[in-house]
PDB file of N, CA and C in Angstrom:
ATOM      1  N   MET A   1       2.737  11.798  22.427  1.00  0.00           N
ATOM      2  CA  MET A   1       3.399  11.923  21.144  1.00  0.00           C
ATOM      3  C   MET A   1       3.178  13.334  20.625  1.00  0.00           C
ATOM      4  N   SER A   2       4.238  13.988  20.168  1.00  0.00           N
ATOM      5  CA  SER A   2       4.119  15.362  19.689  1.00  0.00           C
ATOM      6  C   SER A   2       3.551  15.385  18.272  1.00  0.00           C
ATOM      7  N   GLN A   3       3.161  16.571  17.825  1.00  0.00           N
ATOM      8  CA  GLN A   3       2.612  16.721  16.478  1.00  0.00           C
ATOM      9  C   GLN A   3       3.633  16.299  15.429  1.00  0.00           C
ATOM     10  N   THR A   4       4.915  16.651  15.666  1.00  0.00           N
ATOM     11  CA  THR A   4       5.970  16.277  14.719  1.00  0.00           C
ATOM     12  C   THR A   4       6.080  14.761  14.631  1.00  0.00           C
ATOM     13  N   ASP A   5       6.074  14.092  15.784  1.00  0.00           N
ATOM     14  CA  ASP A   5       6.152  12.634  15.787  1.00  0.00           C
ATOM     15  C   ASP A   5       4.961  12.038  15.052  1.00  0.00           C
ATOM     16  N   SER A   6       3.775  12.604  15.274  1.00  0.00           N
ATOM     17  CA  SER A   6       2.569  12.114  14.633  1.00  0.00           C
ATOM     18  C   SER A   6       2.674  12.281  13.116  1.00  0.00           C
ATOM     19  N   SER A   7       3.161  13.432  12.676  1.00  0.00           N
ATOM     20  CA  SER A   7       3.328  13.689  11.242  1.00  0.00           C
ATOM     21  C   SER A   7       4.358  12.735  10.645  1.00  0.00           C
ATOM     22  N   GLU A   8       5.451  12.522  11.339  1.00  0.00           N
ATOM     23  CA  GLU A   8       6.480  11.604  10.855  1.00  0.00           C
ATOM     24  C   GLU A   8       5.943  10.174  10.806  1.00  0.00           C
ATOM     25  N   PHE A   9       5.128   9.817  11.793  1.00  0.00           N
ATOM     26  CA  PHE A   9       4.530   8.487  11.813  1.00  0.00           C
ATOM     27  C   PHE A   9       3.610   8.307  10.609  1.00  0.00           C
ATOM     28  N   LYS A  10       2.773   9.316  10.341  1.00  0.00           N
ATOM     29  CA  LYS A  10       1.872   9.247   9.184  1.00  0.00           C
ATOM     30  C   LYS A  10       2.663   9.103   7.897  1.00  0.00           C
ATOM     31  N   GLN A  11       3.745   9.868   7.771  1.00  0.00           N
ATOM     32  CA  GLN A  11       4.570   9.787   6.568  1.00  0.00           C
ATOM     33  C   GLN A  11       5.157   8.386   6.404  1.00  0.00           C
ATOM     34  N   GLN A  12       5.578   7.792   7.514  1.00  0.00           N
ATOM     35  CA  GLN A  12       6.119   6.435   7.460  1.00  0.00           C
ATOM     36  C   GLN A  12       5.048   5.438   7.028  1.00  0.00           C
ATOM     37  N   VAL A  13       3.852   5.566   7.587  1.00  0.00           N
ATOM     38  CA  VAL A  13       2.751   4.665   7.233  1.00  0.00           C
ATOM     39  C   VAL A  13       2.402   4.826   5.758  1.00  0.00           C
ATOM     40  N   VAL A  14       2.342   6.070   5.289  1.00  0.00           N
ATOM     41  CA  VAL A  14       2.037   6.335   3.874  1.00  0.00           C
ATOM     42  C   VAL A  14       3.130   5.733   2.988  1.00  0.00           C
ATOM     43  N   ARG A  15       4.381   5.909   3.370  1.00  0.00           N
ATOM     44  CA  ARG A  15       5.497   5.363   2.595  1.00  0.00           C
ATOM     45  C   ARG A  15       5.372   3.834   2.502  1.00  0.00           C
ATOM     46  N   GLU A  16       5.070   3.194   3.623  1.00  0.00           N
ATOM     47  CA  GLU A  16       4.916   1.731   3.622  1.00  0.00           C
ATOM     48  C   GLU A  16       3.751   1.307   2.735  1.00  0.00           C
ATOM     49  N   ALA A  17       2.642   2.031   2.834  1.00  0.00           N
ATOM     50  CA  ALA A  17       1.463   1.692   2.030  1.00  0.00           C
ATOM     51  C   ALA A  17       1.749   1.856   0.543  1.00  0.00           C
ATOM     52  N   ARG A  18       2.470   2.898   0.194  1.00  0.00           N
ATOM     53  CA  ARG A  18       2.792   3.119  -1.219  1.00  0.00           C
ATOM     54  C   ARG A  18       3.792   2.091  -1.721  1.00  0.00           C
ATOM     55  N   GLU A  19       4.747   1.711  -0.893  1.00  0.00           N
ATOM     56  CA  GLU A  19       5.746   0.718  -1.303  1.00  0.00           C
ATOM     57  C   GLU A  19       5.125  -0.660  -1.488  1.00  0.00           C
ATOM     58  N   THR A  20       4.255  -1.031  -0.572  1.00  0.00           N
ATOM     59  CA  THR A  20       3.637  -2.359  -0.654  1.00  0.00           C
ATOM     60  C   THR A  20       2.433  -2.372  -1.575  1.00  0.00           C
ATOM     61  N   GLY A  21       1.804  -1.203  -1.746  1.00  0.00           N
ATOM     62  CA  GLY A  21       0.589  -1.144  -2.543  1.00  0.00           C
ATOM     63  C   GLY A  21      -0.595  -1.763  -1.836  1.00  0.00           C
ATOM     64  N   ASN A  22      -0.486  -1.919  -0.513  1.00  0.00           N
ATOM     65  CA  ASN A  22      -1.544  -2.583   0.244  1.00  0.00           C
ATOM     66  C   ASN A  22      -1.765  -1.873   1.571  1.00  0.00           C
ATOM     67  N   ALA A  23      -2.735  -0.967   1.590  1.00  0.00           N
ATOM     68  CA  ALA A  23      -3.025  -0.195   2.797  1.00  0.00           C
ATOM     69  C   ALA A  23      -3.539  -1.083   3.923  1.00  0.00           C
ATOM     70  N   ALA A  24      -4.300  -2.107   3.589  1.00  0.00           N
ATOM     71  CA  ALA A  24      -4.850  -2.989   4.623  1.00  0.00           C
ATOM     72  C   ALA A  24      -3.737  -3.736   5.356  1.00  0.00           C
ATOM     73  N   LEU A  25      -2.758  -4.207   4.610  1.00  0.00           N
ATOM     74  CA  LEU A  25      -1.625  -4.909   5.224  1.00  0.00           C
ATOM     75  C   LEU A  25      -0.863  -3.980   6.158  1.00  0.00           C
ATOM     76  N   VAL A  26      -0.600  -2.765   5.719  1.00  0.00           N
ATOM     77  CA  VAL A  26       0.117  -1.796   6.543  1.00  0.00           C
ATOM     78  C   VAL A  26      -0.711  -1.434   7.768  1.00  0.00           C
ATOM     79  N   ALA A  27      -2.008  -1.271   7.586  1.00  0.00           N
ATOM     80  CA  ALA A  27      -2.887  -0.922   8.714  1.00  0.00           C
ATOM     81  C   ALA A  27      -2.860  -2.009   9.782  1.00  0.00           C
ATOM     82  N   ARG A  28      -2.781  -3.270   9.357  1.00  0.00           N
ATOM     83  CA  ARG A  28      -2.733  -4.375  10.330  1.00  0.00           C
ATOM     84  C   ARG A  28      -1.451  -4.326  11.156  1.00  0.00           C
ATOM     85  N   GLN A  29      -0.392  -3.760  10.584  1.00  0.00           N
ATOM     86  CA  GLN A  29       0.883  -3.687  11.291  1.00  0.00           C
ATOM     87  C   GLN A  29       0.916  -2.508  12.272  1.00  0.00           C
ATOM     88  N   HIS A  30      -0.033  -1.608  12.131  1.00  0.00           N
ATOM     89  CA  HIS A  30      -0.117  -0.413  12.978  1.00  0.00           C
ATOM     90  C   HIS A  30      -1.530  -0.327  13.543  1.00  0.00           C
ATOM     91  N   PRO A  31      -1.744   0.487  14.554  1.00  0.00           N
ATOM     92  CA  PRO A  31      -3.090   0.553  15.159  1.00  0.00           C
ATOM     93  C   PRO A  31      -4.041   1.469  14.385  1.00  0.00           C
ATOM     94  N   TRP A  32      -4.172   1.256  13.061  1.00  0.00           N
ATOM     95  CA  TRP A  32      -5.033   2.128  12.259  1.00  0.00           C
ATOM     96  C   TRP A  32      -5.985   1.313  11.408  1.00  0.00           C
ATOM     97  N   ASN A  33      -7.078   1.941  11.069  1.00  0.00           N
ATOM     98  CA  ASN A  33      -8.074   1.372  10.177  1.00  0.00           C
ATOM     99  C   ASN A  33      -7.554   1.473   8.744  1.00  0.00           C
ATOM    100  N   PRO A  34      -7.764   0.453   7.900  1.00  0.00           N
ATOM    101  CA  PRO A  34      -7.306   0.534   6.503  1.00  0.00           C
ATOM    102  C   PRO A  34      -7.849   1.754   5.759  1.00  0.00           C
ATOM    103  N   ALA A  35      -9.086   2.146   6.046  1.00  0.00           N
ATOM    104  CA  ALA A  35      -9.655   3.333   5.383  1.00  0.00           C
ATOM    105  C   ALA A  35      -8.863   4.590   5.757  1.00  0.00           C
ATOM    106  N   MET A  36      -8.387   4.656   6.980  1.00  0.00           N
ATOM    107  CA  MET A  36      -7.588   5.806   7.418  1.00  0.00           C
ATOM    108  C   MET A  36      -6.260   5.834   6.672  1.00  0.00           C
ATOM    109  N   VAL A  37      -5.627   4.684   6.541  1.00  0.00           N
ATOM    110  CA  VAL A  37      -4.350   4.616   5.832  1.00  0.00           C
ATOM    111  C   VAL A  37      -4.556   5.007   4.372  1.00  0.00           C
ATOM    112  N   ARG A  38      -5.633   4.512   3.733  1.00  0.00           N
ATOM    113  CA  ARG A  38      -5.914   4.890   2.349  1.00  0.00           C
ATOM    114  C   ARG A  38      -6.149   6.394   2.233  1.00  0.00           C
ATOM    115  N   ARG A  39      -6.828   6.977   3.222  1.00  0.00           N
ATOM    116  CA  ARG A  39      -7.056   8.425   3.207  1.00  0.00           C
ATOM    117  C   ARG A  39      -5.737   9.181   3.302  1.00  0.00           C
ATOM    118  N   TRP A  40      -4.852   8.727   4.174  1.00  0.00           N
ATOM    119  CA  TRP A  40      -3.545   9.371   4.305  1.00  0.00           C
ATOM    120  C   TRP A  40      -2.766   9.286   2.991  1.00  0.00           C
ATOM    121  N   VAL A  41      -2.844   8.141   2.326  1.00  0.00           N
ATOM    122  CA  VAL A  41      -2.155   7.989   1.039  1.00  0.00           C
ATOM    123  C   VAL A  41      -2.762   8.944   0.018  1.00  0.00           C
ATOM    124  N   ARG A  42      -4.083   9.014  -0.032  1.00  0.00           N
ATOM    125  CA  ARG A  42      -4.771   9.916  -0.963  1.00  0.00           C
ATOM    126  C   ARG A  42      -4.395  11.370  -0.691  1.00  0.00           C
ATOM    127  N   GLU A  43      -4.347  11.758   0.592  1.00  0.00           N
ATOM    128  CA  GLU A  43      -3.960  13.121   0.954  1.00  0.00           C
ATOM    129  C   GLU A  43      -2.510  13.399   0.543  1.00  0.00           C
ATOM    130  N   ALA A  44      -1.638  12.432   0.723  1.00  0.00           N
ATOM    131  CA  ALA A  44      -0.237  12.599   0.328  1.00  0.00           C
ATOM    132  C   ALA A  44      -0.127  12.758  -1.183  1.00  0.00           C
ATOM    133  N   LEU A  45      -0.906  11.973  -1.925  1.00  0.00           N
ATOM    134  CA  LEU A  45      -0.907  12.092  -3.384  1.00  0.00           C
ATOM    135  C   LEU A  45      -1.420  13.458  -3.826  1.00  0.00           C
ATOM    136  N   THR A  46      -2.477  13.932  -3.168  1.00  0.00           N
ATOM    137  CA  THR A  46      -3.038  15.238  -3.506  1.00  0.00           C
ATOM    138  C   THR A  46      -2.015  16.338  -3.249  1.00  0.00           C
ATOM    139  N   ALA A  47      -1.274  16.225  -2.154  1.00  0.00           N
ATOM    140  CA  ALA A  47      -0.246  17.217  -1.841  1.00  0.00           C
ATOM    141  C   ALA A  47       0.906  17.138  -2.837  1.00  0.00           C
ATOM    142  N   GLU A  48       1.219  15.931  -3.258  1.00  0.00           N
ATOM    143  CA  GLU A  48       2.332  15.725  -4.181  1.00  0.00           C
ATOM    144  C   GLU A  48       1.975  16.130  -5.612  1.00  0.00           C
ATOM    145  N   TYR A  49       0.716  15.901  -5.996  1.00  0.00           N
ATOM    146  CA  TYR A  49       0.242  16.201  -7.352  1.00  0.00           C
ATOM    147  C   TYR A  49      -0.995  17.098  -7.264  1.00  0.00           C
ATOM    148  N   PRO A  50      -0.801  18.409  -7.102  1.00  0.00           N
ATOM    149  CA  PRO A  50      -1.947  19.291  -6.889  1.00  0.00           C
ATOM    150  C   PRO A  50      -2.870  19.455  -8.093  1.00  0.00           C
ATOM    151  N   ASP A  51      -2.383  19.209  -9.307  1.00  0.00           N
ATOM    152  CA  ASP A  51      -3.285  19.352 -10.451  1.00  0.00           C
ATOM    153  C   ASP A  51      -3.981  18.023 -10.729  1.00  0.00           C
ATOM    154  N   LEU A  52      -5.218  18.096 -11.156  1.00  0.00           N
ATOM    155  CA  LEU A  52      -6.079  16.929 -11.300  1.00  0.00           C
ATOM    156  C   LEU A  52      -5.547  15.865 -12.258  1.00  0.00           C
ATOM    157  N   PRO A  53      -5.087  16.207 -13.473  1.00  0.00           N
ATOM    158  CA  PRO A  53      -4.614  15.139 -14.363  1.00  0.00           C
ATOM    159  C   PRO A  53      -3.441  14.350 -13.769  1.00  0.00           C
ATOM    160  N   ALA A  54      -2.507  15.038 -13.147  1.00  0.00           N
ATOM    161  CA  ALA A  54      -1.376  14.341 -12.541  1.00  0.00           C
ATOM    162  C   ALA A  54      -1.845  13.474 -11.384  1.00  0.00           C
ATOM    163  N   LEU A  55      -2.815  13.969 -10.614  1.00  0.00           N
ATOM    164  CA  LEU A  55      -3.348  13.190  -9.502  1.00  0.00           C
ATOM    165  C   LEU A  55      -4.030  11.931 -10.032  1.00  0.00           C
ATOM    166  N   SER A  56      -4.799  12.055 -11.100  1.00  0.00           N
ATOM    167  CA  SER A  56      -5.469  10.888 -11.671  1.00  0.00           C
ATOM    168  C   SER A  56      -4.455   9.840 -12.110  1.00  0.00           C
ATOM    169  N   LEU A  57      -3.381  10.287 -12.731  1.00  0.00           N
ATOM    170  CA  LEU A  57      -2.336   9.348 -13.141  1.00  0.00           C
ATOM    171  C   LEU A  57      -1.658   8.721 -11.933  1.00  0.00           C
ATOM    172  N   ALA A  58      -1.415   9.515 -10.905  1.00  0.00           N
ATOM    173  CA  ALA A  58      -0.781   8.989  -9.695  1.00  0.00           C
ATOM    174  C   ALA A  58      -1.691   7.967  -9.013  1.00  0.00           C
ATOM    175  N   GLU A  59      -2.986   8.254  -8.960  1.00  0.00           N
ATOM    176  CA  GLU A  59      -3.934   7.304  -8.363  1.00  0.00           C
ATOM    177  C   GLU A  59      -3.975   6.013  -9.169  1.00  0.00           C
ATOM    178  N   GLU A  60      -3.977   6.131 -10.500  1.00  0.00           N
ATOM    179  CA  GLU A  60      -3.974   4.946 -11.353  1.00  0.00           C
ATOM    180  C   GLU A  60      -2.695   4.141 -11.144  1.00  0.00           C
ATOM    181  N   ASN A  61      -1.579   4.841 -11.020  1.00  0.00           N
ATOM    182  CA  ASN A  61      -0.303   4.179 -10.754  1.00  0.00           C
ATOM    183  C   ASN A  61      -0.355   3.426  -9.433  1.00  0.00           C
ATOM    184  N   GLU A  62      -0.905   4.053  -8.392  1.00  0.00           N
ATOM    185  CA  GLU A  62      -1.042   3.399  -7.084  1.00  0.00           C
ATOM    186  C   GLU A  62      -1.959   2.182  -7.186  1.00  0.00           C
ATOM    187  N   ARG A  63      -3.041   2.299  -7.956  1.00  0.00           N
ATOM    188  CA  ARG A  63      -3.975   1.185  -8.135  1.00  0.00           C
ATOM    189  C   ARG A  63      -3.269   0.017  -8.823  1.00  0.00           C
ATOM    190  N   LEU A  64      -2.488   0.334  -9.854  1.00  0.00           N
ATOM    191  CA  LEU A  64      -1.767  -0.711 -10.569  1.00  0.00           C
ATOM    192  C   LEU A  64      -0.697  -1.358  -9.694  1.00  0.00           C
ATOM    193  N   LYS A  65      -0.042  -0.577  -8.866  1.00  0.00           N
ATOM    194  CA  LYS A  65       0.938  -1.137  -7.924  1.00  0.00           C
ATOM    195  C   LYS A  65       0.255  -2.089  -6.958  1.00  0.00           C
ATOM    196  N   ARG A  66      -0.929  -1.698  -6.490  1.00  0.00           N
ATOM    197  CA  ARG A  66      -1.682  -2.528  -5.561  1.00  0.00           C
ATOM    198  C   ARG A  66      -2.065  -3.853  -6.229  1.00  0.00           C
ATOM    199  N   LEU A  67      -2.538  -3.780  -7.480  1.00  0.00           N
ATOM    200  CA  LEU A  67      -2.904  -5.000  -8.204  1.00  0.00           C
ATOM    201  C   LEU A  67      -1.689  -5.899  -8.423  1.00  0.00           C
ATOM    202  N   LEU A  68      -0.565  -5.302  -8.755  1.00  0.00           N
ATOM    203  CA  LEU A  68       0.657  -6.074  -8.961  1.00  0.00           C
ATOM    204  C   LEU A  68       1.100  -6.750  -7.666  1.00  0.00           C
ATOM    205  N   ALA A  69       1.021  -6.020  -6.554  1.00  0.00           N
ATOM    206  CA  ALA A  69       1.389  -6.596  -5.261  1.00  0.00           C
ATOM    207  C   ALA A  69       0.471  -7.763  -4.907  1.00  0.00           C
ATOM    208  N   GLU A  70      -0.821  -7.613  -5.173  1.00  0.00           N
ATOM    209  CA  GLU A  70      -1.770  -8.695  -4.904  1.00  0.00           C
ATOM    210  C   GLU A  70      -1.464  -9.910  -5.775  1.00  0.00           C
ATOM    211  N   ARG A  71      -1.154  -9.662  -7.050  1.00  0.00           N
ATOM    212  CA  ARG A  71      -0.832 -10.760  -7.960  1.00  0.00           C
ATOM    213  C   ARG A  71       0.446 -11.461  -7.516  1.00  0.00           C
ATOM    214  N   ASP A  72       1.455 -10.699  -7.119  1.00  0.00           N
ATOM    215  CA  ASP A  72       2.699 -11.296  -6.636  1.00  0.00           C
ATOM    216  C   ASP A  72       2.451 -12.158  -5.407  1.00  0.00           C
ATOM    217  N   LEU A  73       1.588 -11.690  -4.514  1.00  0.00           N
ATOM    218  CA  LEU A  73       1.254 -12.461  -3.319  1.00  0.00           C
ATOM    219  C   LEU A  73       0.538 -13.758  -3.698  1.00  0.00           C
ATOM    220  N   GLN A  74      -0.390 -13.675  -4.652  1.00  0.00           N
ATOM    221  CA  GLN A  74      -1.099 -14.874  -5.094  1.00  0.00           C
ATOM    222  C   GLN A  74      -0.134 -15.892  -5.691  1.00  0.00           C
ATOM    223  N   ILE A  75       0.785 -15.415  -6.505  1.00  0.00           N
ATOM    224  CA  ILE A  75       1.764 -16.309  -7.123  1.00  0.00           C
ATOM    225  C   ILE A  75       2.630 -16.964  -6.059  1.00  0.00           C
ATOM    226  N   ALA A  76       3.087 -16.189  -5.093  1.00  0.00           N
ATOM    227  CA  ALA A  76       3.915 -16.737  -4.018  1.00  0.00           C
ATOM    228  C   ALA A  76       3.144 -17.783  -3.216  1.00  0.00           C
ATOM    229  N   MET A  77       1.880 -17.513  -2.958  1.00  0.00           N
ATOM    230  CA  MET A  77       1.058 -18.469  -2.207  1.00  0.00           C
ATOM    231  C   MET A  77       0.876 -19.757  -3.002  1.00  0.00           C
ATOM    232  N   LEU A  78       0.621 -19.649  -4.299  1.00  0.00           N
ATOM    233  CA  LEU A  78       0.450 -20.838  -5.135  1.00  0.00           C
ATOM    234  C   LEU A  78       1.751 -21.639  -5.238  1.00  0.00           C
ATOM    235  N   GLN A  79       2.869 -20.933  -5.366  1.00  0.00           N
ATOM    236  CA  GLN A  79       4.162 -21.627  -5.412  1.00  0.00           C
ATOM    237  C   GLN A  79       4.429 -22.360  -4.105  1.00  0.00           C
ATOM    238  N   ASP A  80       4.112 -21.730  -3.003  1.00  0.00           N
ATOM    239  CA  ASP A  80       4.286 -22.364  -1.696  1.00  0.00           C
ATOM    240  C   ASP A  80       3.395 -23.592  -1.571  1.00  0.00           C
ATOM    241  N   PHE A  81       2.160 -23.464  -2.016  1.00  0.00           N
ATOM    242  CA  PHE A  81       1.219 -24.589  -1.983  1.00  0.00           C
ATOM    243  C   PHE A  81       1.751 -25.758  -2.807  1.00  0.00           C
ATOM    244  N   LEU A  82       2.244 -25.453  -4.000  1.00  0.00           N
ATOM    245  CA  LEU A  82       2.768 -26.513  -4.857  1.00  0.00           C
ATOM    246  C   LEU A  82       4.006 -27.166  -4.245  1.00  0.00           C
ATOM    247  N   ARG A  83       4.852 -26.361  -3.604  1.00  0.00           N
ATOM    248  CA  ARG A  83       6.045 -26.910  -2.938  1.00  0.00           C
ATOM    249  C   ARG A  83       5.631 -27.857  -1.813  1.00  0.00           C
ATOM    250  N   LYS A  84       4.623 -27.468  -1.053  1.00  0.00           N
ATOM    251  CA  LYS A  84       4.166 -28.320   0.065  1.00  0.00           C
ATOM    252  C   LYS A  84       3.546 -29.603  -0.431  1.00  0.00           C
ATOM    253  N   LYS A  85       2.920 -29.566  -1.603  1.00  0.00           N
ATOM    254  CA  LYS A  85       2.308 -30.744  -2.182  1.00  0.00           C
ATOM    255  C   LYS A  85       3.340 -31.643  -2.863  1.00  0.00           C
ATOM    256  N   GLY A  86       4.562 -31.137  -3.022  1.00  0.00           N
ATOM    257  CA  GLY A  86       5.595 -31.915  -3.672  1.00  0.00           C
ATOM    258  C   GLY A  86       5.517 -31.857  -5.188  1.00  0.00           C
ATOM    259  N   SER A  87       4.675 -30.978  -5.695  1.00  0.00           N
ATOM    260  CA  SER A  87       4.533 -30.836  -7.140  1.00  0.00           C
ATOM    261  C   SER A  87       5.561 -29.860  -7.675  1.00  0.00           C
ATOM    262  N   ARG A  88       5.903 -30.068  -8.900  1.00  0.00           N
ATOM    263  CA  ARG A  88       6.797 -29.132  -9.580  1.00  0.00           C
ATOM    264  C   ARG A  88       6.029 -28.568 -10.744  1.00  0.00           C
ATOM    265  N   TRP A  89       6.182 -27.316 -10.989  1.00  0.00           N
ATOM    266  CA  TRP A  89       5.492 -26.698 -12.123  1.00  0.00           C
ATOM    267  C   TRP A  89       6.481 -26.337 -13.097  1.00  0.00           C
TER     268      TRP A  89
END
């Protein structure tokens, strides 16, 4: 794999992690450690927001996206559980 392909691959992984808000989930889909994916996302944020206040806001935004994604997943799991039990909420 060439350096360009590697860079494009990293960008794709970072894009997926930012869209889903879940680096661990994206890492499971690719042969990478979740800590590595989080580092790539952090590096991308630093490159995108070179000044500290903007970076802090971007990191907080990413954290909130991650929490929202986790909450959405929990809700979907609970709804599925209730459907399987035949309960209606």
